[in-house]
């Protein structure tokens, strides 16, 4: 119907400069899906990216961040597939599982010489990243992060104590393809809620129980809100 035609040219690629009619402009684009057609990465009109990481066999959202999909990492050690793989591509490494957890039911125990939360980020240009985690406070001073084999220490000005746990933040430039892993300088450390993202980005991560209820939401500063439910599944 020529009278009601909106001018969109279906014979060209949707959006952007490929759209022949200048009255139309692409505002957003889904740039990545998972195997179940759920959107994982979205690009806005200015080329800014926002991404979602899925866990528990791609059934639940475990992290969202305004960064590229390959630039963000989160694991709470909750969804081991039995072969040392957590959701969103994080490996257990040589660490062992422990029920002494910061959130959820699981964390990693890392002895001297072992490594845990082994992961890699990929991006188009070098940039500074923030690595944040929670450690059991009895030996937290020995927690280290290895970046492509180079050991970095946490920022002592940003140590946050909460009960038996301590939040530690690490900062460094990370080149694309650098392997990241948590290690111990001495003795055994217990680590949970490990996350990596560019310092200019903001992440929120989620932890679930065995009934698929959200038990913890960790905000941009990696501090959490804990949720409890009654026997009928109602939020208390």
C-alpha atoms as a PDB file:
ATOM      1  CA  UNK A   1       0.000   0.000   0.000  1.00  0.00           C
ATOM      2  CA  UNK A   2       1.952   3.013  -1.269  1.00  0.00           C
ATOM      3  CA  UNK A   3      -0.258   5.441   0.655  1.00  0.00           C
ATOM      4  CA  UNK A   4       0.637   3.902   4.041  1.00  0.00           C
ATOM      5  CA  UNK A   5       4.228   2.948   3.212  1.00  0.00           C
ATOM      6  CA  UNK A   6       6.624   4.043   5.975  1.00  0.00           C
ATOM      7  CA  UNK A   7       9.654   4.308   3.707  1.00  0.00           C
ATOM      8  CA  UNK A   8      11.683   1.520   5.299  1.00  0.00           C
ATOM      9  CA  UNK A   9      13.791  -0.283   2.699  1.00  0.00           C
ATOM     10  CA  UNK A  10      13.617  -4.027   3.344  1.00  0.00           C
ATOM     11  CA  UNK A  11      16.068  -4.739   0.535  1.00  0.00           C
ATOM     12  CA  UNK A  12      19.044  -3.422   2.543  1.00  0.00           C
ATOM     13  CA  UNK A  13      20.629  -4.518   5.815  1.00  0.00           C
ATOM     14  CA  UNK A  14      18.677  -3.288   8.812  1.00  0.00           C
ATOM     15  CA  UNK A  15      19.874  -0.135  10.520  1.00  0.00           C
ATOM     16  CA  UNK A  16      22.880   2.161  10.403  1.00  0.00           C
ATOM     17  CA  UNK A  17      24.479   3.373   7.187  1.00  0.00           C
ATOM     18  CA  UNK A  18      23.194   0.325   5.310  1.00  0.00           C
ATOM     19  CA  UNK A  19      19.622   1.588   5.477  1.00  0.00           C
ATOM     20  CA  UNK A  20      18.938   3.402   2.207  1.00  0.00           C
ATOM     21  CA  UNK A  21      16.246   5.638   3.683  1.00  0.00           C
ATOM     22  CA  UNK A  22      17.867   8.345   5.844  1.00  0.00           C
ATOM     23  CA  UNK A  23      14.625   8.750   7.819  1.00  0.00           C
ATOM     24  CA  UNK A  24      15.462   5.501   9.602  1.00  0.00           C
ATOM     25  CA  UNK A  25      18.281   4.946  12.071  1.00  0.00           C
ATOM     26  CA  UNK A  26      19.251   1.862  14.029  1.00  0.00           C
ATOM     27  CA  UNK A  27      18.940   2.423  17.794  1.00  0.00           C
ATOM     28  CA  UNK A  28      19.897  -0.975  19.202  1.00  0.00           C
ATOM     29  CA  UNK A  29      21.226  -4.302  18.030  1.00  0.00           C
ATOM     30  CA  UNK A  30      21.406  -7.681  19.733  1.00  0.00           C
ATOM     31  CA  UNK A  31      24.942  -8.777  18.943  1.00  0.00           C
ATOM     32  CA  UNK A  32      25.036 -12.161  20.702  1.00  0.00           C
ATOM     33  CA  UNK A  33      22.578 -14.895  21.688  1.00  0.00           C
ATOM     34  CA  UNK A  34      22.966 -18.168  23.552  1.00  0.00           C
ATOM     35  CA  UNK A  35      21.865 -21.581  22.296  1.00  0.00           C
ATOM     36  CA  UNK A  36      18.344 -20.927  23.620  1.00  0.00           C
ATOM     37  CA  UNK A  37      18.004 -17.611  21.702  1.00  0.00           C
ATOM     38  CA  UNK A  38      18.264 -15.529  24.878  1.00  0.00           C
ATOM     39  CA  UNK A  39      20.051 -12.189  24.255  1.00  0.00           C
ATOM     40  CA  UNK A  40      23.529 -12.059  25.795  1.00  0.00           C
ATOM     41  CA  UNK A  41      24.923  -8.795  24.405  1.00  0.00           C
ATOM     42  CA  UNK A  42      23.222  -5.579  23.286  1.00  0.00           C
ATOM     43  CA  UNK A  43      24.713  -2.567  21.493  1.00  0.00           C
ATOM     44  CA  UNK A  44      23.095   0.888  21.665  1.00  0.00           C
ATOM     45  CA  UNK A  45      23.072   3.704  19.111  1.00  0.00           C
ATOM     46  CA  UNK A  46      26.484   4.941  20.302  1.00  0.00           C
ATOM     47  CA  UNK A  47      28.132   1.550  20.090  1.00  0.00           C
ATOM     48  CA  UNK A  48      28.074   0.978  23.861  1.00  0.00           C
ATOM     49  CA  UNK A  49      27.700  -2.650  24.898  1.00  0.00           C
ATOM     50  CA  UNK A  50      25.822  -4.304  27.757  1.00  0.00           C
ATOM     51  CA  UNK A  51      25.982  -8.026  28.433  1.00  0.00           C
ATOM     52  CA  UNK A  52      24.458 -10.820  30.474  1.00  0.00           C
ATOM     53  CA  UNK A  53      26.267 -13.916  31.705  1.00  0.00           C
ATOM     54  CA  UNK A  54      24.215 -17.072  32.235  1.00  0.00           C
ATOM     55  CA  UNK A  55      24.957 -19.961  34.599  1.00  0.00           C
ATOM     56  CA  UNK A  56      23.385 -23.161  35.914  1.00  0.00           C
ATOM     57  CA  UNK A  57      23.407 -24.710  32.413  1.00  0.00           C
ATOM     58  CA  UNK A  58      22.264 -21.437  30.838  1.00  0.00           C
ATOM     59  CA  UNK A  59      19.057 -21.393  32.897  1.00  0.00           C
ATOM     60  CA  UNK A  60      19.707 -18.373  35.148  1.00  0.00           C
ATOM     61  CA  UNK A  61      21.251 -14.922  34.890  1.00  0.00           C
ATOM     62  CA  UNK A  62      24.334 -14.745  37.110  1.00  0.00           C
ATOM     63  CA  UNK A  63      25.747 -11.330  36.090  1.00  0.00           C
ATOM     64  CA  UNK A  64      24.874  -8.215  34.078  1.00  0.00           C
ATOM     65  CA  UNK A  65      27.347  -5.483  33.164  1.00  0.00           C
ATOM     66  CA  UNK A  66      27.661  -2.522  30.804  1.00  0.00           C
ATOM     67  CA  UNK A  67      30.610  -4.058  28.969  1.00  0.00           C
ATOM     68  CA  UNK A  68      31.187  -6.521  26.157  1.00  0.00           C
ATOM     69  CA  UNK A  69      30.242 -10.134  26.811  1.00  0.00           C
ATOM     70  CA  UNK A  70      33.879 -11.252  26.687  1.00  0.00           C
ATOM     71  CA  UNK A  71      34.992  -8.490  29.099  1.00  0.00           C
ATOM     72  CA  UNK A  72      33.087  -9.594  32.190  1.00  0.00           C
ATOM     73  CA  UNK A  73      33.544 -12.552  34.504  1.00  0.00           C
ATOM     74  CA  UNK A  74      31.609 -13.718  37.550  1.00  0.00           C
ATOM     75  CA  UNK A  75      31.496 -16.930  39.519  1.00  0.00           C
ATOM     76  CA  UNK A  76      30.259 -17.792  42.971  1.00  0.00           C
ATOM     77  CA  UNK A  77      31.387 -21.437  42.594  1.00  0.00           C
ATOM     78  CA  UNK A  78      27.744 -22.522  42.765  1.00  0.00           C
ATOM     79  CA  UNK A  79      27.235 -24.300  39.442  1.00  0.00           C
ATOM     80  CA  UNK A  80      30.088 -26.760  38.918  1.00  0.00           C
ATOM     81  CA  UNK A  81      29.145 -29.134  36.107  1.00  0.00           C
ATOM     82  CA  UNK A  82      31.068 -31.958  37.764  1.00  0.00           C
ATOM     83  CA  UNK A  83      34.053 -31.490  35.466  1.00  0.00           C
ATOM     84  CA  UNK A  84      35.489 -28.308  36.952  1.00  0.00           C
ATOM     85  CA  UNK A  85      33.545 -25.829  34.831  1.00  0.00           C
ATOM     86  CA  UNK A  86      31.406 -23.040  36.266  1.00  0.00           C
ATOM     87  CA  UNK A  87      28.913 -20.919  34.339  1.00  0.00           C
ATOM     88  CA  UNK A  88      30.111 -18.242  31.896  1.00  0.00           C
ATOM     89  CA  UNK A  89      33.371 -20.002  31.076  1.00  0.00           C
ATOM     90  CA  UNK A  90      35.097 -19.917  34.485  1.00  0.00           C
ATOM     91  CA  UNK A  91      37.227 -22.937  35.431  1.00  0.00           C
ATOM     92  CA  UNK A  92      37.599 -24.349  38.925  1.00  0.00           C
ATOM     93  CA  UNK A  93      41.342 -24.874  38.446  1.00  0.00           C
ATOM     94  CA  UNK A  94      43.193 -27.021  40.985  1.00  0.00           C
ATOM     95  CA  UNK A  95      41.258 -25.592  43.945  1.00  0.00           C
ATOM     96  CA  UNK A  96      38.840 -27.680  45.984  1.00  0.00           C
ATOM     97  CA  UNK A  97      35.201 -27.017  46.747  1.00  0.00           C
ATOM     98  CA  UNK A  98      34.143 -25.980  50.238  1.00  0.00           C
ATOM     99  CA  UNK A  99      30.767 -25.342  51.860  1.00  0.00           C
ATOM    100  CA  UNK A 100      32.258 -22.498  53.892  1.00  0.00           C
ATOM    101  CA  UNK A 101      30.760 -19.911  51.543  1.00  0.00           C
ATOM    102  CA  UNK A 102      30.268 -16.157  51.494  1.00  0.00           C
ATOM    103  CA  UNK A 103      27.042 -16.463  49.487  1.00  0.00           C
ATOM    104  CA  UNK A 104      25.178 -19.565  48.412  1.00  0.00           C
ATOM    105  CA  UNK A 105      26.458 -23.006  49.380  1.00  0.00           C
ATOM    106  CA  UNK A 106      29.908 -23.160  47.784  1.00  0.00           C
ATOM    107  CA  UNK A 107      33.290 -21.412  47.659  1.00  0.00           C
ATOM    108  CA  UNK A 108      36.818 -22.425  46.620  1.00  0.00           C
ATOM    109  CA  UNK A 109      39.608 -23.455  48.953  1.00  0.00           C
ATOM    110  CA  UNK A 110      42.983 -22.622  47.382  1.00  0.00           C
ATOM    111  CA  UNK A 111      46.201 -23.950  48.925  1.00  0.00           C
ATOM    112  CA  UNK A 112      49.681 -22.648  48.221  1.00  0.00           C
ATOM    113  CA  UNK A 113      50.574 -23.784  44.694  1.00  0.00           C
ATOM    114  CA  UNK A 114      46.938 -24.192  43.633  1.00  0.00           C
ATOM    115  CA  UNK A 115      44.749 -21.871  41.581  1.00  0.00           C
ATOM    116  CA  UNK A 116      41.032 -21.191  41.306  1.00  0.00           C
ATOM    117  CA  UNK A 117      38.472 -19.205  39.296  1.00  0.00           C
ATOM    118  CA  UNK A 118      40.655 -19.542  36.182  1.00  0.00           C
ATOM    119  CA  UNK A 119      39.303 -17.303  33.435  1.00  0.00           C
ATOM    120  CA  UNK A 120      40.181 -15.094  30.457  1.00  0.00           C
ATOM    121  CA  UNK A 121      38.893 -11.777  29.121  1.00  0.00           C
ATOM    122  CA  UNK A 122      38.978 -10.701  25.483  1.00  0.00           C
ATOM    123  CA  UNK A 123      38.625  -7.166  24.150  1.00  0.00           C
ATOM    124  CA  UNK A 124      39.688  -4.926  21.295  1.00  0.00           C
ATOM    125  CA  UNK A 125      41.985  -2.596  23.214  1.00  0.00           C
ATOM    126  CA  UNK A 126      43.967  -2.711  26.491  1.00  0.00           C
ATOM    127  CA  UNK A 127      42.223  -1.135  29.443  1.00  0.00           C
ATOM    128  CA  UNK A 128      42.306  -1.139  33.217  1.00  0.00           C
ATOM    129  CA  UNK A 129      40.199  -3.754  34.972  1.00  0.00           C
ATOM    130  CA  UNK A 130      38.860  -4.277  38.466  1.00  0.00           C
ATOM    131  CA  UNK A 131      39.057  -7.731  39.998  1.00  0.00           C
ATOM    132  CA  UNK A 132      36.946  -8.122  43.124  1.00  0.00           C
ATOM    133  CA  UNK A 133      36.435 -11.116  45.413  1.00  0.00           C
ATOM    134  CA  UNK A 134      35.540 -12.149  48.951  1.00  0.00           C
ATOM    135  CA  UNK A 135      38.019 -14.089  51.108  1.00  0.00           C
ATOM    136  CA  UNK A 136      37.712 -15.742  54.526  1.00  0.00           C
ATOM    137  CA  UNK A 137      39.392 -13.348  56.918  1.00  0.00           C
ATOM    138  CA  UNK A 138      41.628 -15.849  58.751  1.00  0.00           C
ATOM    139  CA  UNK A 139      44.237 -15.821  55.931  1.00  0.00           C
ATOM    140  CA  UNK A 140      43.027 -13.137  53.521  1.00  0.00           C
ATOM    141  CA  UNK A 141      46.392 -11.314  53.430  1.00  0.00           C
ATOM    142  CA  UNK A 142      47.812 -14.152  51.337  1.00  0.00           C
ATOM    143  CA  UNK A 143      45.210 -13.934  48.555  1.00  0.00           C
ATOM    144  CA  UNK A 144      46.818 -13.027  45.238  1.00  0.00           C
ATOM    145  CA  UNK A 145      45.707 -12.767  41.618  1.00  0.00           C
ATOM    146  CA  UNK A 146      47.856 -14.019  38.753  1.00  0.00           C
ATOM    147  CA  UNK A 147      47.613 -12.126  35.451  1.00  0.00           C
ATOM    148  CA  UNK A 148      49.363 -13.979  32.637  1.00  0.00           C
ATOM    149  CA  UNK A 149      51.801 -15.293  35.241  1.00  0.00           C
ATOM    150  CA  UNK A 150      52.405 -11.935  36.953  1.00  0.00           C
ATOM    151  CA  UNK A 151      51.280 -11.747  40.592  1.00  0.00           C
ATOM    152  CA  UNK A 152      49.351  -8.667  41.732  1.00  0.00           C
ATOM    153  CA  UNK A 153      48.235  -7.755  45.236  1.00  0.00           C
ATOM    154  CA  UNK A 154      44.958  -6.275  46.467  1.00  0.00           C
ATOM    155  CA  UNK A 155      44.516  -2.582  47.167  1.00  0.00           C
ATOM    156  CA  UNK A 156      44.890  -2.239  50.969  1.00  0.00           C
ATOM    157  CA  UNK A 157      42.876   1.003  50.944  1.00  0.00           C
ATOM    158  CA  UNK A 158      39.744  -0.837  49.781  1.00  0.00           C
ATOM    159  CA  UNK A 159      39.622  -3.762  52.193  1.00  0.00           C
ATOM    160  CA  UNK A 160      36.069  -4.247  53.486  1.00  0.00           C
ATOM    161  CA  UNK A 161      35.343  -6.464  56.501  1.00  0.00           C
ATOM    162  CA  UNK A 162      31.945  -8.115  56.912  1.00  0.00           C
ATOM    163  CA  UNK A 163      31.681 -10.766  59.592  1.00  0.00           C
ATOM    164  CA  UNK A 164      34.078 -13.618  58.826  1.00  0.00           C
ATOM    165  CA  UNK A 165      34.728 -12.338  55.303  1.00  0.00           C
ATOM    166  CA  UNK A 166      36.842  -9.647  53.662  1.00  0.00           C
ATOM    167  CA  UNK A 167      36.346  -8.019  50.285  1.00  0.00           C
ATOM    168  CA  UNK A 168      39.552  -7.539  48.283  1.00  0.00           C
ATOM    169  CA  UNK A 169      39.909  -5.443  45.128  1.00  0.00           C
ATOM    170  CA  UNK A 170      42.715  -5.691  42.586  1.00  0.00           C
ATOM    171  CA  UNK A 171      43.441  -3.274  39.711  1.00  0.00           C
ATOM    172  CA  UNK A 172      45.648  -3.685  36.657  1.00  0.00           C
ATOM    173  CA  UNK A 173      45.810  -3.317  32.884  1.00  0.00           C
ATOM    174  CA  UNK A 174      44.676  -6.538  31.243  1.00  0.00           C
ATOM    175  CA  UNK A 175      45.524  -7.307  27.639  1.00  0.00           C
ATOM    176  CA  UNK A 176      43.150  -9.412  25.588  1.00  0.00           C
ATOM    177  CA  UNK A 177      43.718 -13.106  26.188  1.00  0.00           C
ATOM    178  CA  UNK A 178      45.400 -12.726  29.581  1.00  0.00           C
ATOM    179  CA  UNK A 179      44.647 -15.655  31.848  1.00  0.00           C
ATOM    180  CA  UNK A 180      43.388 -14.646  35.296  1.00  0.00           C
ATOM    181  CA  UNK A 181      43.431 -16.893  38.338  1.00  0.00           C
ATOM    182  CA  UNK A 182      43.321 -16.621  42.118  1.00  0.00           C
ATOM    183  CA  UNK A 183      46.293 -18.011  44.042  1.00  0.00           C
ATOM    184  CA  UNK A 184      47.730 -18.090  47.553  1.00  0.00           C
ATOM    185  CA  UNK A 185      51.074 -16.645  48.634  1.00  0.00           C
ATOM    186  CA  UNK A 186      51.154 -18.864  51.715  1.00  0.00           C
ATOM    187  CA  UNK A 187      48.819 -21.393  53.305  1.00  0.00           C
ATOM    188  CA  UNK A 188      45.201 -22.000  52.294  1.00  0.00           C
ATOM    189  CA  UNK A 189      42.743 -19.257  51.417  1.00  0.00           C
ATOM    190  CA  UNK A 190      38.975 -19.526  50.895  1.00  0.00           C
ATOM    191  CA  UNK A 191      37.554 -17.342  48.130  1.00  0.00           C
ATOM    192  CA  UNK A 192      34.044 -16.644  46.842  1.00  0.00           C
ATOM    193  CA  UNK A 193      32.119 -14.241  44.570  1.00  0.00           C
ATOM    194  CA  UNK A 194      34.916 -13.609  42.109  1.00  0.00           C
ATOM    195  CA  UNK A 195      34.301 -10.970  39.427  1.00  0.00           C
ATOM    196  CA  UNK A 196      36.224  -9.106  36.723  1.00  0.00           C
ATOM    197  CA  UNK A 197      35.150  -6.123  34.618  1.00  0.00           C
ATOM    198  CA  UNK A 198      36.549  -2.859  33.204  1.00  0.00           C
ATOM    199  CA  UNK A 199      36.776  -0.184  35.903  1.00  0.00           C
ATOM    200  CA  UNK A 200      34.522   2.076  33.813  1.00  0.00           C
ATOM    201  CA  UNK A 201      31.763  -0.560  33.920  1.00  0.00           C
ATOM    202  CA  UNK A 202      29.318  -1.572  36.619  1.00  0.00           C
ATOM    203  CA  UNK A 203      28.322  -5.163  37.424  1.00  0.00           C
ATOM    204  CA  UNK A 204      25.484  -6.795  39.335  1.00  0.00           C
ATOM    205  CA  UNK A 205      25.632 -10.519  40.079  1.00  0.00           C
ATOM    206  CA  UNK A 206      23.125 -13.059  41.404  1.00  0.00           C
ATOM    207  CA  UNK A 207      23.188 -16.194  43.561  1.00  0.00           C
ATOM    208  CA  UNK A 208      20.389 -18.802  43.720  1.00  0.00           C
ATOM    209  CA  UNK A 209      19.421 -21.676  46.013  1.00  0.00           C
ATOM    210  CA  UNK A 210      18.365 -25.216  45.075  1.00  0.00           C
ATOM    211  CA  UNK A 211      14.764 -24.056  44.632  1.00  0.00           C
ATOM    212  CA  UNK A 212      15.759 -21.438  42.030  1.00  0.00           C
ATOM    213  CA  UNK A 213      15.140 -18.578  44.448  1.00  0.00           C
ATOM    214  CA  UNK A 214      17.515 -15.599  44.457  1.00  0.00           C
ATOM    215  CA  UNK A 215      19.357 -15.622  47.771  1.00  0.00           C
ATOM    216  CA  UNK A 216      21.876 -12.841  47.157  1.00  0.00           C
ATOM    217  CA  UNK A 217      22.284  -9.871  44.830  1.00  0.00           C
ATOM    218  CA  UNK A 218      25.774  -8.356  44.725  1.00  0.00           C
ATOM    219  CA  UNK A 219      25.722  -4.743  43.538  1.00  0.00           C
ATOM    220  CA  UNK A 220      28.292  -2.598  41.700  1.00  0.00           C
ATOM    221  CA  UNK A 221      30.599  -2.494  44.740  1.00  0.00           C
ATOM    222  CA  UNK A 222      30.334  -6.305  45.192  1.00  0.00           C
ATOM    223  CA  UNK A 223      28.445  -5.820  48.455  1.00  0.00           C
ATOM    224  CA  UNK A 224      25.443  -8.097  48.748  1.00  0.00           C
ATOM    225  CA  UNK A 225      21.822  -8.063  49.816  1.00  0.00           C
ATOM    226  CA  UNK A 226      20.699 -11.403  51.272  1.00  0.00           C
ATOM    227  CA  UNK A 227      17.150 -12.752  50.807  1.00  0.00           C
ATOM    228  CA  UNK A 228      15.409 -15.379  52.949  1.00  0.00           C
ATOM    229  CA  UNK A 229      12.179 -17.275  52.261  1.00  0.00           C
ATOM    230  CA  UNK A 230       9.653 -19.164  54.339  1.00  0.00           C
ATOM    231  CA  UNK A 231       8.621 -22.775  53.719  1.00  0.00           C
ATOM    232  CA  UNK A 232       6.026 -21.644  51.176  1.00  0.00           C
ATOM    233  CA  UNK A 233       8.633 -19.780  49.169  1.00  0.00           C
ATOM    234  CA  UNK A 234       7.477 -16.339  50.236  1.00  0.00           C
ATOM    235  CA  UNK A 235      10.134 -13.666  50.694  1.00  0.00           C
ATOM    236  CA  UNK A 236      10.754 -12.848  54.344  1.00  0.00           C
END
